[in-house]
Amino acid sequence: MVVAGLRRLVLLFVAVAAASALLGLLVGAATGSSLGRAVSVGLDLGGALLLVLGFFAGTRGPLRLGREGRVAPLPGASRIGWLDPDERGERLNLSALLIVVGLLVVVLGLVSDARVRLV
């Protein structure tokens, strides 16, 4: 089970990194930027987007409007319900996944940048 989860994590990382690099290449070709610089900026922006999405996914409140199975207290009032413990766990897991993959993509972008010397 752990191996299958790691395989899916690597597949997600590769897919996000490839999509970010491809978009960076397309924008770099349109702007006349160098190939390496375009890939690096694309990876950095893709990772930053995942970090922001992970932050917002983890900081949503515990109440939801329009929950199924809830009865409105007054006629015309919207249904409000609390998240179940399983739903809260899934939300935090999604947030952690997005942040981890975002950090990995940003690190890949930094490593691929020829202007930055890490060692």
N, C-alpha and C. Protein backbone atom coordinates (compact mmCIF):
# COMPACT_ATOMS: atom_id res chain seq x y z
N MET A 1 0.82 -1.18 0.00
CA MET A 1 0.00 0.00 0.00
C MET A 1 0.87 1.25 0.00
N VAL A 2 1.95 1.24 0.75
CA VAL A 2 2.85 2.39 0.78
C VAL A 2 3.53 2.57 -0.56
N VAL A 3 3.91 1.48 -1.19
CA VAL A 3 4.57 1.55 -2.49
C VAL A 3 3.62 2.14 -3.53
N ALA A 4 2.36 1.74 -3.49
CA ALA A 4 1.38 2.27 -4.44
C ALA A 4 1.17 3.76 -4.21
N GLY A 5 1.14 4.19 -2.95
CA GLY A 5 1.00 5.61 -2.65
C GLY A 5 2.20 6.41 -3.12
N LEU A 6 3.41 5.88 -2.91
CA LEU A 6 4.61 6.57 -3.38
C LEU A 6 4.65 6.63 -4.90
N ARG A 7 4.17 5.58 -5.54
CA ARG A 7 4.12 5.57 -7.01
C ARG A 7 3.17 6.65 -7.52
N ARG A 8 2.01 6.80 -6.87
CA ARG A 8 1.08 7.85 -7.27
C ARG A 8 1.65 9.24 -6.98
N LEU A 9 2.38 9.40 -5.88
CA LEU A 9 3.00 10.68 -5.56
C LEU A 9 4.04 11.04 -6.61
N VAL A 10 4.86 10.09 -7.01
CA VAL A 10 5.87 10.35 -8.04
C VAL A 10 5.21 10.66 -9.38
N LEU A 11 4.14 9.94 -9.71
CA LEU A 11 3.42 10.19 -10.95
C LEU A 11 2.81 11.60 -10.95
N LEU A 12 2.25 12.01 -9.82
CA LEU A 12 1.70 13.36 -9.71
C LEU A 12 2.80 14.41 -9.84
N PHE A 13 3.94 14.18 -9.19
CA PHE A 13 5.06 15.11 -9.26
C PHE A 13 5.56 15.24 -10.71
N VAL A 14 5.72 14.12 -11.39
CA VAL A 14 6.21 14.14 -12.77
C VAL A 14 5.20 14.85 -13.68
N ALA A 15 3.92 14.59 -13.49
CA ALA A 15 2.91 15.22 -14.33
C ALA A 15 2.88 16.74 -14.11
N VAL A 16 2.94 17.17 -12.87
CA VAL A 16 2.92 18.61 -12.58
C VAL A 16 4.20 19.27 -13.10
N ALA A 17 5.34 18.63 -12.89
CA ALA A 17 6.60 19.20 -13.35
C ALA A 17 6.64 19.27 -14.88
N ALA A 18 6.15 18.24 -15.55
CA ALA A 18 6.14 18.25 -17.01
C ALA A 18 5.20 19.32 -17.56
N ALA A 19 4.02 19.45 -16.95
CA ALA A 19 3.07 20.47 -17.41
C ALA A 19 3.62 21.87 -17.16
N SER A 20 4.25 22.08 -16.02
CA SER A 20 4.83 23.40 -15.71
C SER A 20 5.97 23.72 -16.66
N ALA A 21 6.83 22.73 -16.92
CA ALA A 21 7.95 22.96 -17.82
C ALA A 21 7.45 23.23 -19.25
N LEU A 22 6.44 22.50 -19.68
CA LEU A 22 5.90 22.71 -21.03
C LEU A 22 5.27 24.10 -21.17
N LEU A 23 4.51 24.52 -20.17
CA LEU A 23 3.94 25.86 -20.21
C LEU A 23 5.04 26.92 -20.17
N GLY A 24 6.07 26.67 -19.37
CA GLY A 24 7.20 27.60 -19.33
C GLY A 24 7.90 27.68 -20.68
N LEU A 25 8.05 26.54 -21.34
CA LEU A 25 8.66 26.54 -22.68
C LEU A 25 7.83 27.31 -23.69
N LEU A 26 6.52 27.14 -23.63
CA LEU A 26 5.64 27.86 -24.56
C LEU A 26 5.70 29.36 -24.33
N VAL A 27 5.65 29.78 -23.08
CA VAL A 27 5.73 31.21 -22.78
C VAL A 27 7.12 31.74 -23.10
N GLY A 28 8.15 30.95 -22.81
CA GLY A 28 9.52 31.36 -23.13
C GLY A 28 9.76 31.50 -24.61
N ALA A 29 9.17 30.60 -25.40
CA ALA A 29 9.31 30.70 -26.85
C ALA A 29 8.59 31.93 -27.38
N ALA A 30 7.46 32.27 -26.78
CA ALA A 30 6.71 33.44 -27.22
C ALA A 30 7.41 34.74 -26.85
N THR A 31 8.15 34.72 -25.75
CA THR A 31 8.82 35.95 -25.29
C THR A 31 10.28 36.01 -25.71
N GLY A 32 10.81 34.95 -26.29
CA GLY A 32 12.20 34.95 -26.74
C GLY A 32 13.20 34.67 -25.63
N SER A 33 12.76 34.05 -24.57
CA SER A 33 13.65 33.72 -23.46
C SER A 33 14.46 32.46 -23.78
N SER A 34 15.54 32.26 -23.04
CA SER A 34 16.34 31.06 -23.27
C SER A 34 15.59 29.83 -22.78
N LEU A 35 15.96 28.67 -23.31
CA LEU A 35 15.28 27.42 -23.01
C LEU A 35 15.37 27.07 -21.53
N GLY A 36 16.57 27.12 -20.97
CA GLY A 36 16.75 26.78 -19.56
C GLY A 36 16.03 27.73 -18.62
N ARG A 37 16.08 29.00 -18.95
CA ARG A 37 15.42 30.00 -18.11
C ARG A 37 13.90 29.82 -18.16
N ALA A 38 13.36 29.51 -19.33
CA ALA A 38 11.91 29.32 -19.47
C ALA A 38 11.44 28.11 -18.66
N VAL A 39 12.19 27.02 -18.70
CA VAL A 39 11.82 25.83 -17.94
C VAL A 39 11.89 26.12 -16.45
N SER A 40 12.95 26.80 -16.02
CA SER A 40 13.11 27.11 -14.61
C SER A 40 11.99 27.99 -14.08
N VAL A 41 11.64 29.03 -14.82
CA VAL A 41 10.57 29.92 -14.39
C VAL A 41 9.22 29.19 -14.41
N GLY A 42 8.99 28.35 -15.40
CA GLY A 42 7.76 27.57 -15.45
C GLY A 42 7.62 26.64 -14.26
N LEU A 43 8.70 25.97 -13.88
CA LEU A 43 8.67 25.09 -12.71
C LEU A 43 8.45 25.89 -11.43
N ASP A 44 9.10 27.02 -11.30
CA ASP A 44 8.93 27.85 -10.11
C ASP A 44 7.49 28.34 -9.98
N LEU A 45 6.91 28.79 -11.09
CA LEU A 45 5.54 29.29 -11.04
C LEU A 45 4.54 28.16 -10.79
N GLY A 46 4.76 27.00 -11.39
CA GLY A 46 3.87 25.86 -11.15
C GLY A 46 3.93 25.40 -9.70
N GLY A 47 5.13 25.36 -9.12
CA GLY A 47 5.27 24.99 -7.72
C GLY A 47 4.65 26.02 -6.79
N ALA A 48 4.82 27.29 -7.12
CA ALA A 48 4.23 28.35 -6.29
C ALA A 48 2.70 28.28 -6.34
N LEU A 49 2.15 27.96 -7.50
CA LEU A 49 0.70 27.82 -7.61
C LEU A 49 0.20 26.67 -6.72
N LEU A 50 0.91 25.55 -6.72
CA LEU A 50 0.51 24.44 -5.86
C LEU A 50 0.64 24.79 -4.39
N LEU A 51 1.66 25.57 -4.02
CA LEU A 51 1.80 25.99 -2.63
C LEU A 51 0.62 26.87 -2.20
N VAL A 52 0.22 27.78 -3.04
CA VAL A 52 -0.92 28.65 -2.72
C VAL A 52 -2.21 27.82 -2.62
N LEU A 53 -2.42 26.91 -3.57
CA LEU A 53 -3.60 26.06 -3.52
C LEU A 53 -3.61 25.19 -2.27
N GLY A 54 -2.45 24.67 -1.88
CA GLY A 54 -2.36 23.87 -0.66
C GLY A 54 -2.66 24.68 0.58
N PHE A 55 -2.20 25.93 0.61
CA PHE A 55 -2.49 26.79 1.75
C PHE A 55 -3.98 27.04 1.87
N PHE A 56 -4.62 27.39 0.77
CA PHE A 56 -6.04 27.68 0.82
C PHE A 56 -6.88 26.43 1.06
N ALA A 57 -6.44 25.29 0.59
CA ALA A 57 -7.17 24.04 0.85
C ALA A 57 -7.12 23.69 2.33
N GLY A 58 -6.04 24.02 3.00
CA GLY A 58 -5.90 23.67 4.42
C GLY A 58 -6.51 24.67 5.37
N THR A 59 -6.82 25.87 4.91
CA THR A 59 -7.33 26.90 5.83
C THR A 59 -8.81 27.18 5.66
N ARG A 60 -9.52 26.34 4.93
CA ARG A 60 -10.97 26.51 4.83
C ARG A 60 -11.61 26.22 6.18
N GLY A 61 -12.69 26.89 6.47
CA GLY A 61 -13.38 26.71 7.74
C GLY A 61 -14.12 25.38 7.82
N PRO A 62 -14.61 25.03 9.02
CA PRO A 62 -15.26 23.73 9.20
C PRO A 62 -16.74 23.70 8.80
N LEU A 63 -17.32 24.84 8.43
CA LEU A 63 -18.73 24.89 8.06
C LEU A 63 -18.89 24.91 6.55
N ARG A 64 -19.93 24.25 6.05
CA ARG A 64 -20.24 24.23 4.63
C ARG A 64 -21.70 24.56 4.44
N LEU A 65 -21.98 25.32 3.40
CA LEU A 65 -23.36 25.62 3.03
C LEU A 65 -23.92 24.50 2.17
N GLY A 66 -25.22 24.29 2.27
CA GLY A 66 -25.91 23.35 1.39
C GLY A 66 -25.52 21.91 1.62
N ARG A 67 -25.30 21.50 2.84
CA ARG A 67 -24.92 20.11 3.13
C ARG A 67 -26.13 19.19 2.92
N GLU A 68 -25.89 18.04 2.34
CA GLU A 68 -26.95 17.06 2.12
C GLU A 68 -27.41 16.49 3.46
N GLY A 69 -28.69 16.24 3.57
CA GLY A 69 -29.21 15.59 4.76
C GLY A 69 -29.42 16.54 5.93
N ARG A 70 -29.16 17.81 5.78
CA ARG A 70 -29.36 18.76 6.87
C ARG A 70 -30.69 19.49 6.63
N VAL A 71 -31.40 19.77 7.67
CA VAL A 71 -32.67 20.47 7.57
C VAL A 71 -32.45 21.92 7.95
N ALA A 72 -32.98 22.82 7.14
CA ALA A 72 -32.85 24.25 7.44
C ALA A 72 -33.69 24.58 8.67
N PRO A 73 -33.16 25.40 9.59
CA PRO A 73 -33.90 25.70 10.81
C PRO A 73 -35.15 26.54 10.55
N LEU A 74 -35.12 27.39 9.55
CA LEU A 74 -36.26 28.24 9.20
C LEU A 74 -36.54 28.12 7.72
N PRO A 75 -37.78 28.33 7.31
CA PRO A 75 -38.07 28.30 5.87
C PRO A 75 -37.28 29.39 5.13
N GLY A 76 -36.67 29.03 4.04
CA GLY A 76 -35.88 29.99 3.26
C GLY A 76 -34.44 30.10 3.71
N ALA A 77 -34.08 29.52 4.84
CA ALA A 77 -32.70 29.58 5.32
C ALA A 77 -31.89 28.48 4.62
N SER A 78 -30.63 28.76 4.40
CA SER A 78 -29.77 27.75 3.77
C SER A 78 -29.36 26.71 4.79
N ARG A 79 -29.03 25.54 4.28
CA ARG A 79 -28.58 24.46 5.16
C ARG A 79 -27.09 24.62 5.43
N ILE A 80 -26.73 24.58 6.69
CA ILE A 80 -25.33 24.71 7.09
C ILE A 80 -24.97 23.46 7.89
N GLY A 81 -23.81 22.90 7.61
CA GLY A 81 -23.39 21.72 8.35
C GLY A 81 -21.90 21.71 8.61
N TRP A 82 -21.52 21.01 9.64
CA TRP A 82 -20.11 20.85 9.99
C TRP A 82 -19.49 19.75 9.14
N LEU A 83 -18.21 19.84 8.92
CA LEU A 83 -17.50 18.76 8.25
C LEU A 83 -17.40 17.56 9.17
N ASP A 84 -17.51 16.39 8.59
CA ASP A 84 -17.28 15.16 9.35
C ASP A 84 -15.79 15.01 9.62
N PRO A 85 -15.40 14.22 10.63
CA PRO A 85 -13.96 14.01 10.88
C PRO A 85 -13.23 13.43 9.67
N ASP A 86 -13.89 12.56 8.92
CA ASP A 86 -13.25 12.00 7.71
C ASP A 86 -13.01 13.08 6.67
N GLU A 87 -13.98 13.99 6.52
CA GLU A 87 -13.83 15.08 5.55
C GLU A 87 -12.73 16.04 5.96
N ARG A 88 -12.60 16.29 7.26
CA ARG A 88 -11.51 17.15 7.73
C ARG A 88 -10.16 16.51 7.47
N GLY A 89 -10.06 15.21 7.69
CA GLY A 89 -8.82 14.50 7.41
C GLY A 89 -8.46 14.53 5.94
N GLU A 90 -9.45 14.34 5.07
CA GLU A 90 -9.20 14.40 3.63
C GLU A 90 -8.74 15.79 3.21
N ARG A 91 -9.33 16.83 3.81
CA ARG A 91 -8.96 18.20 3.47
C ARG A 91 -7.51 18.48 3.87
N LEU A 92 -7.12 18.03 5.06
CA LEU A 92 -5.75 18.24 5.50
C LEU A 92 -4.76 17.41 4.69
N ASN A 93 -5.16 16.20 4.30
CA ASN A 93 -4.30 15.38 3.46
C ASN A 93 -4.09 16.01 2.09
N LEU A 94 -5.16 16.56 1.51
CA LEU A 94 -5.04 17.25 0.23
C LEU A 94 -4.11 18.45 0.35
N SER A 95 -4.25 19.20 1.43
CA SER A 95 -3.39 20.36 1.64
C SER A 95 -1.93 19.93 1.75
N ALA A 96 -1.66 18.90 2.52
CA ALA A 96 -0.28 18.42 2.68
C ALA A 96 0.28 17.92 1.35
N LEU A 97 -0.53 17.21 0.58
CA LEU A 97 -0.09 16.70 -0.72
C LEU A 97 0.28 17.84 -1.66
N LEU A 98 -0.58 18.85 -1.75
CA LEU A 98 -0.31 19.98 -2.63
C LEU A 98 0.94 20.74 -2.20
N ILE A 99 1.13 20.90 -0.90
CA ILE A 99 2.31 21.63 -0.42
C ILE A 99 3.58 20.85 -0.67
N VAL A 100 3.57 19.55 -0.43
CA VAL A 100 4.76 18.74 -0.66
C VAL A 100 5.14 18.72 -2.13
N VAL A 101 4.17 18.48 -3.01
CA VAL A 101 4.46 18.45 -4.44
C VAL A 101 4.89 19.84 -4.91
N GLY A 102 4.26 20.89 -4.40
CA GLY A 102 4.66 22.25 -4.76
C GLY A 102 6.09 22.57 -4.36
N LEU A 103 6.47 22.16 -3.15
CA LEU A 103 7.86 22.38 -2.72
C LEU A 103 8.85 21.61 -3.59
N LEU A 104 8.51 20.37 -3.94
CA LEU A 104 9.40 19.58 -4.79
C LEU A 104 9.56 20.21 -6.17
N VAL A 105 8.48 20.74 -6.72
CA VAL A 105 8.55 21.37 -8.04
C VAL A 105 9.37 22.66 -7.97
N VAL A 106 9.22 23.44 -6.90
CA VAL A 106 10.01 24.65 -6.74
C VAL A 106 11.49 24.30 -6.60
N VAL A 107 11.81 23.27 -5.84
CA VAL A 107 13.21 22.85 -5.69
C VAL A 107 13.75 22.39 -7.04
N LEU A 108 12.95 21.66 -7.81
CA LEU A 108 13.39 21.25 -9.15
C LEU A 108 13.64 22.48 -10.03
N GLY A 109 12.80 23.49 -9.91
CA GLY A 109 13.01 24.73 -10.66
C GLY A 109 14.28 25.44 -10.26
N LEU A 110 14.60 25.44 -8.97
CA LEU A 110 15.84 26.06 -8.52
C LEU A 110 17.07 25.29 -8.99
N VAL A 111 16.97 23.97 -8.96
CA VAL A 111 18.10 23.14 -9.40
C VAL A 111 18.33 23.29 -10.89
N SER A 112 17.25 23.46 -11.66
CA SER A 112 17.40 23.55 -13.10
C SER A 112 17.81 24.94 -13.58
N ASP A 113 17.83 25.92 -12.70
CA ASP A 113 18.21 27.28 -13.08
C ASP A 113 19.73 27.38 -13.17
N ALA A 114 20.23 27.73 -14.34
CA ALA A 114 21.68 27.80 -14.55
C ALA A 114 22.29 29.03 -13.88
N ARG A 115 21.48 30.03 -13.56
CA ARG A 115 22.01 31.25 -12.94
C ARG A 115 22.31 31.06 -11.46
N VAL A 116 21.66 30.06 -10.83
CA VAL A 116 21.83 29.83 -9.40
C VAL A 116 22.82 28.69 -9.19
N ARG A 117 23.78 28.94 -8.37
CA ARG A 117 24.79 27.91 -8.04
C ARG A 117 24.53 27.44 -6.64
N LEU A 118 24.13 26.17 -6.48
CA LEU A 118 23.73 25.66 -5.17
C LEU A 118 24.90 25.19 -4.34
N VAL A 119 26.00 24.82 -4.95
CA VAL A 119 27.15 24.30 -4.18
C VAL A 119 28.33 25.21 -4.36
